[in-house]
Amino acid sequence: MPRKKILFVIVEGPSDDAALSVLLSRFFDSNVVHVHVMHCDITTELGVTPNNIVRTIGDCVKKFAGRLYKSGDFCQIIHIVDMDGAFIPNNAVVEDASAAKPIYSITEIRTRQKSGIENRNLRKRENLNRLLSTPEIWKIPYRVYYMSCNLDHALYGKLNSTDEEKENDAFFFAKTYMSDIPGFIQFISESDFSVTNSYQQSWQYIREDLHSLERHTNLGLCFKTKGSDTEATPT
């Protein structure tokens, strides 16, 4: 029996891990799925730029690999990001002195720091555009997939969730689908918010108009079989 390869999945937070880890492991069970929680949005971190974001992600993979693994032991890197309205026009970022933290809707972001959100969005756009032109990191096939506006919005139809709501919803979602992987694949790939035409076309779509605030995801593309848009092969 051939040795299992590592599918390295990058997510932003622990609730993302809780919602998706077991489902990805059960679908890609011919590989070893490792979910790496960043505890941040690497595309908006200060100091992370188009000049160093690929190296920064590569360093995360290499740190995990240590002396035990080499690049050939990995089959793919799947990077799951929130869109956070990154591609909306600046006039959809609305100054609101009463907003203690950014308030998202499908048409605008309300914030007491308009320039801060605009600068964050610019960083995110530039870094995402760099990642979209990156087919490999450390000689491992790489793809970035989006949850728009964020994972809670894509999976549960909720915006502006508290940390407790995120945790509870993630647990319930994983419990719902852990014994129904075909149901999960159908949900993520065939819902009215699924964008699964092609990898490049899905990214073109999310960058237009207000789509990066709306409920959309192209994660379903990563479950296509080898020979389509990804190199990860399900059993």
C-alpha atoms as a PDB file:
ATOM      1  CA  MET A   1       0.000   0.000   0.000  1.00  0.00           C
ATOM      2  CA  PRO A   2       1.469   3.417  -0.966  1.00  0.00           C
ATOM      3  CA  ARG A   3       2.299   5.784   1.855  1.00  0.00           C
ATOM      4  CA  LYS A   4      -0.396   8.384   2.521  1.00  0.00           C
ATOM      5  CA  LYS A   5       0.512  11.930   1.554  1.00  0.00           C
ATOM      6  CA  ILE A   6      -0.270  15.048   3.567  1.00  0.00           C
ATOM      7  CA  LEU A   7      -3.056  17.405   2.540  1.00  0.00           C
ATOM      8  CA  PHE A   8      -2.130  20.662   4.298  1.00  0.00           C
ATOM      9  CA  VAL A   9      -5.200  22.824   4.964  1.00  0.00           C
ATOM     10  CA  ILE A  10      -4.790  26.412   6.180  1.00  0.00           C
ATOM     11  CA  VAL A  11      -7.677  28.110   8.008  1.00  0.00           C
ATOM     12  CA  GLU A  12      -7.945  31.372   9.944  1.00  0.00           C
ATOM     13  CA  GLY A  13      -9.438  30.303  13.275  1.00  0.00           C
ATOM     14  CA  PRO A  14     -10.377  27.383  15.533  1.00  0.00           C
ATOM     15  CA  SER A  15     -14.075  27.478  14.603  1.00  0.00           C
ATOM     16  CA  ASP A  16     -13.076  26.963  10.946  1.00  0.00           C
ATOM     17  CA  ASP A  17     -11.082  23.932  12.052  1.00  0.00           C
ATOM     18  CA  ALA A  18     -14.005  22.613  14.115  1.00  0.00           C
ATOM     19  CA  ALA A  19     -16.456  22.964  11.227  1.00  0.00           C
ATOM     20  CA  LEU A  20     -14.339  21.455   8.455  1.00  0.00           C
ATOM     21  CA  SER A  21     -11.507  19.297   9.811  1.00  0.00           C
ATOM     22  CA  VAL A  22     -13.389  16.028  10.294  1.00  0.00           C
ATOM     23  CA  LEU A  23     -15.308  16.478   7.016  1.00  0.00           C
ATOM     24  CA  LEU A  24     -12.151  17.035   4.991  1.00  0.00           C
ATOM     25  CA  SER A  25     -10.459  14.072   6.693  1.00  0.00           C
ATOM     26  CA  ARG A  26     -13.355  11.769   5.846  1.00  0.00           C
ATOM     27  CA  PHE A  27     -13.541  12.903   2.217  1.00  0.00           C
ATOM     28  CA  PHE A  28      -9.792  12.820   1.541  1.00  0.00           C
ATOM     29  CA  ASP A  29      -9.237   9.621   3.493  1.00  0.00           C
ATOM     30  CA  SER A  30      -6.553   8.374   1.106  1.00  0.00           C
ATOM     31  CA  ASN A  31      -4.401  11.223   2.465  1.00  0.00           C
ATOM     32  CA  VAL A  32      -3.436  12.508   5.881  1.00  0.00           C
ATOM     33  CA  VAL A  33      -5.289  15.794   6.381  1.00  0.00           C
ATOM     34  CA  HIS A  34      -3.504  18.328   8.585  1.00  0.00           C
ATOM     35  CA  VAL A  35      -5.458  21.490   9.396  1.00  0.00           C
ATOM     36  CA  HIS A  36      -3.192  24.392  10.307  1.00  0.00           C
ATOM     37  CA  VAL A  37      -4.951  27.152  12.263  1.00  0.00           C
ATOM     38  CA  MET A  38      -3.318  30.537  11.614  1.00  0.00           C
ATOM     39  CA  HIS A  39      -5.148  32.358  14.438  1.00  0.00           C
ATOM     40  CA  CYS A  40      -5.130  35.354  12.112  1.00  0.00           C
ATOM     41  CA  ASP A  41      -5.928  36.372   8.553  1.00  0.00           C
ATOM     42  CA  ILE A  42      -2.527  36.083   6.900  1.00  0.00           C
ATOM     43  CA  THR A  43      -3.732  38.168   3.941  1.00  0.00           C
ATOM     44  CA  THR A  44      -4.332  41.236   6.144  1.00  0.00           C
ATOM     45  CA  GLU A  45      -1.505  40.940   8.676  1.00  0.00           C
ATOM     46  CA  LEU A  46       0.651  44.041   8.922  1.00  0.00           C
ATOM     47  CA  GLY A  47       4.016  43.367   7.334  1.00  0.00           C
ATOM     48  CA  VAL A  48       2.673  40.645   5.038  1.00  0.00           C
ATOM     49  CA  THR A  49       2.901  41.881   1.454  1.00  0.00           C
ATOM     50  CA  PRO A  50       2.743  40.435  -2.065  1.00  0.00           C
ATOM     51  CA  ASN A  51       6.541  40.248  -1.881  1.00  0.00           C
ATOM     52  CA  ASN A  52       6.619  37.905   1.124  1.00  0.00           C
ATOM     53  CA  ILE A  53       3.222  36.219   1.519  1.00  0.00           C
ATOM     54  CA  VAL A  54       4.197  33.141  -0.496  1.00  0.00           C
ATOM     55  CA  ARG A  55       7.354  32.729   1.567  1.00  0.00           C
ATOM     56  CA  THR A  56       5.365  33.272   4.783  1.00  0.00           C
ATOM     57  CA  ILE A  57       2.949  30.468   3.914  1.00  0.00           C
ATOM     58  CA  GLY A  58       5.810  28.277   2.796  1.00  0.00           C
ATOM     59  CA  ASP A  59       7.520  28.792   6.150  1.00  0.00           C
ATOM     60  CA  CYS A  60       4.362  27.533   7.913  1.00  0.00           C
ATOM     61  CA  VAL A  61       4.425  24.354   5.852  1.00  0.00           C
ATOM     62  CA  LYS A  62       8.151  23.852   6.380  1.00  0.00           C
ATOM     63  CA  LYS A  63       7.810  24.386  10.126  1.00  0.00           C
ATOM     64  CA  PHE A  64       5.192  21.637  10.251  1.00  0.00           C
ATOM     65  CA  ALA A  65       7.349  19.388   8.073  1.00  0.00           C
ATOM     66  CA  GLY A  66      10.403  19.854  10.278  1.00  0.00           C
ATOM     67  CA  ARG A  67      12.889  17.062   9.737  1.00  0.00           C
ATOM     68  CA  LEU A  68      10.209  14.413   9.317  1.00  0.00           C
ATOM     69  CA  TYR A  69       8.834  15.366   5.916  1.00  0.00           C
ATOM     70  CA  LYS A  70       9.969  16.800   2.603  1.00  0.00           C
ATOM     71  CA  SER A  71       7.909  18.587  -0.029  1.00  0.00           C
ATOM     72  CA  GLY A  72       7.278  15.323  -1.864  1.00  0.00           C
ATOM     73  CA  ASP A  73       5.391  14.009   1.170  1.00  0.00           C
ATOM     74  CA  PHE A  74       2.635  16.579   0.550  1.00  0.00           C
ATOM     75  CA  CYS A  75      -0.064  16.240  -2.102  1.00  0.00           C
ATOM     76  CA  GLN A  76      -1.541  19.728  -1.887  1.00  0.00           C
ATOM     77  CA  ILE A  77      -1.994  22.929   0.108  1.00  0.00           C
ATOM     78  CA  ILE A  78      -5.613  24.085   0.465  1.00  0.00           C
ATOM     79  CA  HIS A  79      -5.912  27.619   1.837  1.00  0.00           C
ATOM     80  CA  ILE A  80      -9.381  28.738   2.997  1.00  0.00           C
ATOM     81  CA  VAL A  81      -9.902  32.482   3.431  1.00  0.00           C
ATOM     82  CA  ASP A  82     -12.723  34.822   4.391  1.00  0.00           C
ATOM     83  CA  MET A  83     -13.398  37.566   1.844  1.00  0.00           C
ATOM     84  CA  ASP A  84     -14.488  40.246   4.370  1.00  0.00           C
ATOM     85  CA  GLY A  85     -15.734  42.471   1.556  1.00  0.00           C
ATOM     86  CA  ALA A  86     -12.167  43.008   0.352  1.00  0.00           C
ATOM     87  CA  PHE A  87     -13.126  43.889  -3.220  1.00  0.00           C
ATOM     88  CA  ILE A  88     -16.001  46.275  -2.571  1.00  0.00           C
ATOM     89  CA  PRO A  89     -15.635  49.947  -3.572  1.00  0.00           C
ATOM     90  CA  ASN A  90     -14.650  52.361  -0.834  1.00  0.00           C
ATOM     91  CA  ASN A  91     -18.066  54.040  -0.953  1.00  0.00           C
ATOM     92  CA  ALA A  92     -19.526  50.792   0.444  1.00  0.00           C
ATOM     93  CA  VAL A  93     -17.420  51.270   3.583  1.00  0.00           C
ATOM     94  CA  VAL A  94     -19.599  53.560   5.715  1.00  0.00           C
ATOM     95  CA  GLU A  95     -18.428  55.674   8.650  1.00  0.00           C
ATOM     96  CA  ASP A  96     -20.501  54.865  11.743  1.00  0.00           C
ATOM     97  CA  ALA A  97     -19.357  56.214  15.119  1.00  0.00           C
ATOM     98  CA  SER A  98     -21.640  53.748  16.929  1.00  0.00           C
ATOM     99  CA  ALA A  99     -19.959  50.657  15.425  1.00  0.00           C
ATOM    100  CA  ALA A 100     -17.687  49.330  18.181  1.00  0.00           C
ATOM    101  CA  LYS A 101     -16.381  46.811  15.645  1.00  0.00           C
ATOM    102  CA  PRO A 102     -17.064  46.447  11.900  1.00  0.00           C
ATOM    103  CA  ILE A 103     -20.665  45.516  11.101  1.00  0.00           C
ATOM    104  CA  TYR A 104     -21.126  43.561   7.890  1.00  0.00           C
ATOM    105  CA  SER A 105     -24.149  43.304   5.632  1.00  0.00           C
ATOM    106  CA  ILE A 106     -24.462  42.158   2.027  1.00  0.00           C
ATOM    107  CA  THR A 107     -24.342  45.770   0.832  1.00  0.00           C
ATOM    108  CA  GLU A 108     -21.855  47.576   3.102  1.00  0.00           C
ATOM    109  CA  ILE A 109     -19.425  47.563   6.015  1.00  0.00           C
ATOM    110  CA  ARG A 110     -20.216  50.001   8.812  1.00  0.00           C
ATOM    111  CA  THR A 111     -17.218  51.045  10.900  1.00  0.00           C
ATOM    112  CA  ARG A 112     -15.919  53.869  13.057  1.00  0.00           C
ATOM    113  CA  GLN A 113     -12.559  53.595  11.239  1.00  0.00           C
ATOM    114  CA  LYS A 114     -13.349  53.852   7.548  1.00  0.00           C
ATOM    115  CA  SER A 115      -9.753  54.450   6.460  1.00  0.00           C
ATOM    116  CA  GLY A 116      -8.602  51.429   8.481  1.00  0.00           C
ATOM    117  CA  ILE A 117     -11.038  49.100   6.689  1.00  0.00           C
ATOM    118  CA  GLU A 118     -10.126  50.591   3.315  1.00  0.00           C
ATOM    119  CA  ASN A 119      -6.418  50.001   3.988  1.00  0.00           C
ATOM    120  CA  ARG A 120      -7.115  46.467   5.228  1.00  0.00           C
ATOM    121  CA  ASN A 121      -9.104  45.709   2.075  1.00  0.00           C
ATOM    122  CA  LEU A 122      -6.292  47.028  -0.107  1.00  0.00           C
ATOM    123  CA  ARG A 123      -3.751  44.766   1.640  1.00  0.00           C
ATOM    124  CA  LYS A 124      -6.069  41.796   1.309  1.00  0.00           C
ATOM    125  CA  ARG A 125      -6.709  42.421  -2.394  1.00  0.00           C
ATOM    126  CA  GLU A 126      -3.030  42.741  -3.197  1.00  0.00           C
ATOM    127  CA  ASN A 127      -2.079  39.621  -1.240  1.00  0.00           C
ATOM    128  CA  LEU A 128      -4.928  37.544  -2.672  1.00  0.00           C
ATOM    129  CA  ASN A 129      -4.031  38.587  -6.203  1.00  0.00           C
ATOM    130  CA  ARG A 130      -0.482  37.384  -5.529  1.00  0.00           C
ATOM    131  CA  LEU A 131      -1.723  34.032  -4.196  1.00  0.00           C
ATOM    132  CA  LEU A 132      -3.999  33.564  -7.196  1.00  0.00           C
ATOM    133  CA  SER A 133      -0.955  33.643  -9.454  1.00  0.00           C
ATOM    134  CA  THR A 134       0.830  31.053  -7.297  1.00  0.00           C
ATOM    135  CA  PRO A 135       0.309  27.454  -8.477  1.00  0.00           C
ATOM    136  CA  GLU A 136       2.864  25.951  -6.068  1.00  0.00           C
ATOM    137  CA  ILE A 137       4.408  26.703  -2.693  1.00  0.00           C
ATOM    138  CA  TRP A 138       7.549  24.728  -1.741  1.00  0.00           C
ATOM    139  CA  LYS A 139       6.924  22.652  -4.889  1.00  0.00           C
ATOM    140  CA  ILE A 140       3.497  21.615  -3.521  1.00  0.00           C
ATOM    141  CA  PRO A 141       0.336  22.346  -5.556  1.00  0.00           C
ATOM    142  CA  TYR A 142      -1.438  25.313  -3.957  1.00  0.00           C
ATOM    143  CA  ARG A 143      -5.000  26.633  -4.215  1.00  0.00           C
ATOM    144  CA  VAL A 144      -6.833  29.307  -2.235  1.00  0.00           C
ATOM    145  CA  TYR A 145     -10.603  29.063  -1.728  1.00  0.00           C
ATOM    146  CA  TYR A 146     -12.963  31.661  -0.310  1.00  0.00           C
ATOM    147  CA  MET A 147     -15.786  31.860   2.158  1.00  0.00           C
ATOM    148  CA  SER A 148     -17.702  35.062   1.592  1.00  0.00           C
ATOM    149  CA  CYS A 149     -18.218  37.218   3.546  1.00  0.00           C
ATOM    150  CA  ASN A 150     -16.800  34.729   6.054  1.00  0.00           C
ATOM    151  CA  LEU A 151     -17.105  31.040   6.967  1.00  0.00           C
ATOM    152  CA  ASP A 152     -20.128  31.633   9.210  1.00  0.00           C
ATOM    153  CA  HIS A 153     -21.870  33.434   6.361  1.00  0.00           C
ATOM    154  CA  ALA A 154     -21.081  30.722   3.823  1.00  0.00           C
ATOM    155  CA  LEU A 155     -21.874  27.686   5.968  1.00  0.00           C
ATOM    156  CA  TYR A 156     -24.641  28.958   8.250  1.00  0.00           C
ATOM    157  CA  GLY A 157     -25.992  32.068   6.511  1.00  0.00           C
ATOM    158  CA  LYS A 158     -24.962  34.262   9.478  1.00  0.00           C
ATOM    159  CA  LEU A 159     -23.088  37.554   9.655  1.00  0.00           C
ATOM    160  CA  ASN A 160     -21.523  39.237  12.700  1.00  0.00           C
ATOM    161  CA  SER A 161     -21.567  36.101  14.885  1.00  0.00           C
ATOM    162  CA  THR A 162     -20.062  36.142  18.361  1.00  0.00           C
ATOM    163  CA  ASP A 163     -17.199  33.779  19.213  1.00  0.00           C
ATOM    164  CA  GLU A 164     -19.629  31.601  21.165  1.00  0.00           C
ATOM    165  CA  GLU A 165     -22.031  31.437  18.213  1.00  0.00           C
ATOM    166  CA  LYS A 166     -19.160  30.548  15.894  1.00  0.00           C
ATOM    167  CA  GLU A 167     -18.102  27.692  18.166  1.00  0.00           C
ATOM    168  CA  ASN A 168     -21.638  26.333  18.596  1.00  0.00           C
ATOM    169  CA  ASP A 169     -22.491  26.574  14.908  1.00  0.00           C
ATOM    170  CA  ALA A 170     -19.225  24.891  13.897  1.00  0.00           C
ATOM    171  CA  PHE A 171     -19.876  21.973  16.272  1.00  0.00           C
ATOM    172  CA  PHE A 172     -23.432  21.534  14.993  1.00  0.00           C
ATOM    173  CA  PHE A 173     -22.341  21.747  11.337  1.00  0.00           C
ATOM    174  CA  ALA A 174     -19.633  19.108  11.755  1.00  0.00           C
ATOM    175  CA  LYS A 175     -22.017  16.867  13.700  1.00  0.00           C
ATOM    176  CA  THR A 176     -24.672  17.219  10.987  1.00  0.00           C
ATOM    177  CA  TYR A 177     -22.423  16.134   8.133  1.00  0.00           C
ATOM    178  CA  MET A 178     -19.719  13.913   9.675  1.00  0.00           C
ATOM    179  CA  SER A 179     -21.778  10.814   8.821  1.00  0.00           C
ATOM    180  CA  ASP A 180     -23.126  12.284   5.571  1.00  0.00           C
ATOM    181  CA  ILE A 181     -20.129  13.348   3.497  1.00  0.00           C
ATOM    182  CA  PRO A 182     -22.119  13.158   0.200  1.00  0.00           C
ATOM    183  CA  GLY A 183     -24.624  15.556   1.790  1.00  0.00           C
ATOM    184  CA  PHE A 184     -21.813  17.938   2.727  1.00  0.00           C
ATOM    185  CA  ILE A 185     -20.336  17.828  -0.777  1.00  0.00           C
ATOM    186  CA  GLN A 186     -23.761  18.514  -2.277  1.00  0.00           C
ATOM    187  CA  PHE A 187     -24.322  21.396   0.155  1.00  0.00           C
ATOM    188  CA  ILE A 188     -20.981  23.076  -0.525  1.00  0.00           C
ATOM    189  CA  SER A 189     -20.988  22.406  -4.281  1.00  0.00           C
ATOM    190  CA  GLU A 190     -24.608  22.718  -5.392  1.00  0.00           C
ATOM    191  CA  SER A 191     -26.236  25.363  -3.184  1.00  0.00           C
ATOM    192  CA  ASP A 192     -27.381  28.654  -4.670  1.00  0.00           C
ATOM    193  CA  PHE A 193     -24.307  30.310  -3.118  1.00  0.00           C
ATOM    194  CA  SER A 194     -21.823  27.810  -4.594  1.00  0.00           C
ATOM    195  CA  VAL A 195     -19.510  29.177  -7.300  1.00  0.00           C
ATOM    196  CA  THR A 196     -18.039  26.143  -9.026  1.00  0.00           C
ATOM    197  CA  ASN A 197     -17.685  27.006 -12.703  1.00  0.00           C
ATOM    198  CA  SER A 198     -13.868  27.042 -12.691  1.00  0.00           C
ATOM    199  CA  TYR A 199     -11.135  28.188 -10.336  1.00  0.00           C
ATOM    200  CA  GLN A 200     -10.202  31.348 -12.241  1.00  0.00           C
ATOM    201  CA  GLN A 201     -13.802  32.209 -13.120  1.00  0.00           C
ATOM    202  CA  SER A 202     -14.892  31.775  -9.496  1.00  0.00           C
ATOM    203  CA  TRP A 203     -12.270  34.301  -8.442  1.00  0.00           C
ATOM    204  CA  GLN A 204     -13.222  36.690 -11.196  1.00  0.00           C
ATOM    205  CA  TYR A 205     -16.806  36.567  -9.940  1.00  0.00           C
ATOM    206  CA  ILE A 206     -16.006  37.250  -6.291  1.00  0.00           C
ATOM    207  CA  ARG A 207     -13.907  40.287  -7.207  1.00  0.00           C
ATOM    208  CA  GLU A 208     -16.809  41.988  -8.985  1.00  0.00           C
ATOM    209  CA  ASP A 209     -19.402  44.431  -7.571  1.00  0.00           C
ATOM    210  CA  LEU A 210     -20.407  43.589  -3.955  1.00  0.00           C
ATOM    211  CA  HIS A 211     -19.949  39.822  -4.305  1.00  0.00           C
ATOM    212  CA  SER A 212     -17.179  39.725  -1.679  1.00  0.00           C
ATOM    213  CA  LEU A 213     -19.789  40.778   0.913  1.00  0.00           C
ATOM    214  CA  GLU A 214     -22.455  38.374  -0.295  1.00  0.00           C
ATOM    215  CA  ARG A 215     -22.891  34.694   0.518  1.00  0.00           C
ATOM    216  CA  HIS A 216     -20.654  32.779  -1.882  1.00  0.00           C
ATOM    217  CA  THR A 217     -18.001  30.069  -1.734  1.00  0.00           C
ATOM    218  CA  ASN A 218     -15.879  28.240  -4.291  1.00  0.00           C
ATOM    219  CA  LEU A 219     -14.735  25.589  -1.796  1.00  0.00           C
ATOM    220  CA  GLY A 220     -16.708  22.974  -3.724  1.00  0.00           C
ATOM    221  CA  LEU A 221     -14.037  23.122  -6.415  1.00  0.00           C
ATOM    222  CA  CYS A 222     -11.507  21.415  -4.154  1.00  0.00           C
ATOM    223  CA  PHE A 223     -13.646  18.260  -4.130  1.00  0.00           C
ATOM    224  CA  LYS A 224     -13.437  17.791  -7.870  1.00  0.00           C
ATOM    225  CA  THR A 225     -11.452  14.756  -8.939  1.00  0.00           C
ATOM    226  CA  LYS A 226      -7.933  14.890 -10.323  1.00  0.00           C
ATOM    227  CA  GLY A 227      -7.819  16.233 -13.818  1.00  0.00           C
ATOM    228  CA  SER A 228     -10.116  19.176 -13.184  1.00  0.00           C
ATOM    229  CA  ASP A 229      -9.114  22.188 -11.105  1.00  0.00           C
ATOM    230  CA  THR A 230      -7.224  20.526  -8.262  1.00  0.00           C
ATOM    231  CA  GLU A 231      -4.663  17.846  -7.666  1.00  0.00           C
ATOM    232  CA  ALA A 232      -6.326  16.400  -4.570  1.00  0.00           C
ATOM    233  CA  THR A 233      -7.942  13.097  -5.369  1.00  0.00           C
ATOM    234  CA  PRO A 234     -10.842  11.759  -3.294  1.00  0.00           C
ATOM    235  CA  THR A 235     -11.290   8.067  -2.664  1.00  0.00           C
END
